Amino acid sequence: MSIDTSGFYKCETSSKSSERDVLFTGRTLENKDWKLTVDNKDSFTLPHDGWQYYNSIEEACTAYNLDYDYWAWTLWQIGDDPDVQLI
């Protein structure tokens, strides 16, 4: 079974080295002034309000230079939980 991880991603980087960056994702995004969907993404200039479309979580992590294993598990439960040590 394959999980479709395509959609919009936005990374907010922490100014403190002790804090982790935050990655958000969504396939439909609404603001009081706009609604961004996968179907209408080509009508917007991307990135839009910090949101960028990527075909996969792997593509987003590469673009933002983030740890794929951590974010694939955190957002999509793909792979092994990186916080659990296997014996």
C-alpha atoms as a PDB file:
ATOM      1  CA  MET A   1       0.000   0.000   0.000  1.00  0.00           C
ATOM      2  CA  SER A   2       1.304   3.396  -0.978  1.00  0.00           C
ATOM      3  CA  ILE A   3       0.425   6.640   0.765  1.00  0.00           C
ATOM      4  CA  ASP A   4      -0.046   9.738  -1.388  1.00  0.00           C
ATOM      5  CA  THR A   5       2.077  12.389   0.329  1.00  0.00           C
ATOM      6  CA  SER A   6       1.768  14.990  -2.412  1.00  0.00           C
ATOM      7  CA  GLY A   7       0.452  18.356  -1.338  1.00  0.00           C
ATOM      8  CA  PHE A   8       1.452  21.693   0.067  1.00  0.00           C
ATOM      9  CA  TYR A   9       4.269  21.986   2.559  1.00  0.00           C
ATOM     10  CA  LYS A  10       5.518  24.900   4.617  1.00  0.00           C
ATOM     11  CA  CYS A  11       8.615  24.873   6.794  1.00  0.00           C
ATOM     12  CA  GLU A  12       9.054  27.257   9.692  1.00  0.00           C
ATOM     13  CA  THR A  13      12.643  27.312  10.822  1.00  0.00           C
ATOM     14  CA  SER A  14      13.550  27.858  14.422  1.00  0.00           C
ATOM     15  CA  SER A  15      15.902  30.663  15.333  1.00  0.00           C
ATOM     16  CA  LYS A  16      17.189  28.574  18.258  1.00  0.00           C
ATOM     17  CA  SER A  17      19.543  25.703  17.551  1.00  0.00           C
ATOM     18  CA  SER A  18      17.999  23.707  20.408  1.00  0.00           C
ATOM     19  CA  GLU A  19      14.558  23.706  18.742  1.00  0.00           C
ATOM     20  CA  ARG A  20      13.461  21.614  15.777  1.00  0.00           C
ATOM     21  CA  ASP A  21      12.107  23.178  12.585  1.00  0.00           C
ATOM     22  CA  VAL A  22       8.373  22.663  12.045  1.00  0.00           C
ATOM     23  CA  LEU A  23       6.954  21.217   8.824  1.00  0.00           C
ATOM     24  CA  PHE A  24       3.270  21.635   7.977  1.00  0.00           C
ATOM     25  CA  THR A  25       1.353  19.905   5.208  1.00  0.00           C
ATOM     26  CA  GLY A  26      -2.102  20.020   3.673  1.00  0.00           C
ATOM     27  CA  ARG A  27      -3.958  19.324   0.445  1.00  0.00           C
ATOM     28  CA  THR A  28      -6.532  22.090   0.947  1.00  0.00           C
ATOM     29  CA  LEU A  29      -5.516  25.332   2.622  1.00  0.00           C
ATOM     30  CA  GLU A  30      -7.890  28.134   3.506  1.00  0.00           C
ATOM     31  CA  ASN A  31      -7.186  31.685   4.574  1.00  0.00           C
ATOM     32  CA  LYS A  32      -9.660  34.531   4.942  1.00  0.00           C
ATOM     33  CA  ASP A  33      -8.387  35.882   1.595  1.00  0.00           C
ATOM     34  CA  TRP A  34      -7.754  32.701  -0.426  1.00  0.00           C
ATOM     35  CA  LYS A  35      -8.333  28.966  -0.763  1.00  0.00           C
ATOM     36  CA  LEU A  36      -5.497  26.905  -2.171  1.00  0.00           C
ATOM     37  CA  THR A  37      -6.212  23.360  -3.361  1.00  0.00           C
ATOM     38  CA  VAL A  38      -4.324  20.802  -5.395  1.00  0.00           C
ATOM     39  CA  ASP A  39      -6.815  21.413  -8.223  1.00  0.00           C
ATOM     40  CA  ASN A  40      -6.282  25.189  -8.335  1.00  0.00           C
ATOM     41  CA  LYS A  41      -2.562  25.319  -7.439  1.00  0.00           C
ATOM     42  CA  ASP A  42      -1.596  26.323 -10.982  1.00  0.00           C
ATOM     43  CA  SER A  43      -3.635  29.526 -10.659  1.00  0.00           C
ATOM     44  CA  PHE A  44      -1.390  30.736  -7.810  1.00  0.00           C
ATOM     45  CA  THR A  45       2.228  31.853  -7.870  1.00  0.00           C
ATOM     46  CA  LEU A  46       4.051  29.411  -5.609  1.00  0.00           C
ATOM     47  CA  PRO A  47       5.274  29.566  -3.003  1.00  0.00           C
ATOM     48  CA  HIS A  48       2.053  31.218  -1.835  1.00  0.00           C
ATOM     49  CA  ASP A  49       2.158  32.694   1.662  1.00  0.00           C
ATOM     50  CA  GLY A  50       5.053  30.318   2.352  1.00  0.00           C
ATOM     51  CA  TRP A  51       3.275  27.224   0.993  1.00  0.00           C
ATOM     52  CA  GLN A  52       4.907  25.221  -1.781  1.00  0.00           C
ATOM     53  CA  TYR A  53       3.564  22.186  -3.637  1.00  0.00           C
ATOM     54  CA  TYR A  54       5.652  19.002  -3.636  1.00  0.00           C
ATOM     55  CA  ASN A  55       4.924  15.627  -5.195  1.00  0.00           C
ATOM     56  CA  SER A  56       6.012  13.764  -2.052  1.00  0.00           C
ATOM     57  CA  ILE A  57       7.235  14.111   1.521  1.00  0.00           C
ATOM     58  CA  GLU A  58      10.654  13.025   0.264  1.00  0.00           C
ATOM     59  CA  GLU A  59      10.723  15.879  -2.245  1.00  0.00           C
ATOM     60  CA  ALA A  60       9.681  18.383   0.456  1.00  0.00           C
ATOM     61  CA  CYS A  61      12.320  17.152   2.910  1.00  0.00           C
ATOM     62  CA  THR A  62      14.996  17.388   0.239  1.00  0.00           C
ATOM     63  CA  ALA A  63      13.955  20.940  -0.651  1.00  0.00           C
ATOM     64  CA  TYR A  64      13.917  22.053   2.994  1.00  0.00           C
ATOM     65  CA  ASN A  65      16.981  19.986   3.965  1.00  0.00           C
ATOM     66  CA  LEU A  66      15.022  18.118   6.650  1.00  0.00           C
ATOM     67  CA  ASP A  67      15.356  14.591   8.044  1.00  0.00           C
ATOM     68  CA  TYR A  68      13.086  12.447   5.866  1.00  0.00           C
ATOM     69  CA  ASP A  69      12.796   9.565   8.366  1.00  0.00           C
ATOM     70  CA  TYR A  70      11.633  11.897  11.146  1.00  0.00           C
ATOM     71  CA  TRP A  71       9.104  13.868   9.087  1.00  0.00           C
ATOM     72  CA  ALA A  72       7.760  10.892   7.096  1.00  0.00           C
ATOM     73  CA  TRP A  73       6.902   9.248  10.418  1.00  0.00           C
ATOM     74  CA  THR A  74       5.665  12.422  12.131  1.00  0.00           C
ATOM     75  CA  LEU A  75       3.339  13.529   9.329  1.00  0.00           C
ATOM     76  CA  TRP A  76       2.399  10.265   7.610  1.00  0.00           C
ATOM     77  CA  GLN A  77       3.490   7.365   9.886  1.00  0.00           C
ATOM     78  CA  ILE A  78       5.710   6.061   7.098  1.00  0.00           C
ATOM     79  CA  GLY A  79       8.657   3.916   8.204  1.00  0.00           C
ATOM     80  CA  ASP A  80       9.751   3.353  11.784  1.00  0.00           C
ATOM     81  CA  ASP A  81       9.212   5.781  14.635  1.00  0.00           C
ATOM     82  CA  PRO A  82      12.611   7.522  14.859  1.00  0.00           C
ATOM     83  CA  ASP A  83      12.140   8.115  18.595  1.00  0.00           C
ATOM     84  CA  VAL A  84      11.867   4.376  19.348  1.00  0.00           C
ATOM     85  CA  GLN A  85      15.147   2.533  19.648  1.00  0.00           C
ATOM     86  CA  LEU A  86      15.012  -0.981  18.269  1.00  0.00           C
ATOM     87  CA  ILE A  87      16.866  -3.661  20.181  1.00  0.00           C
END
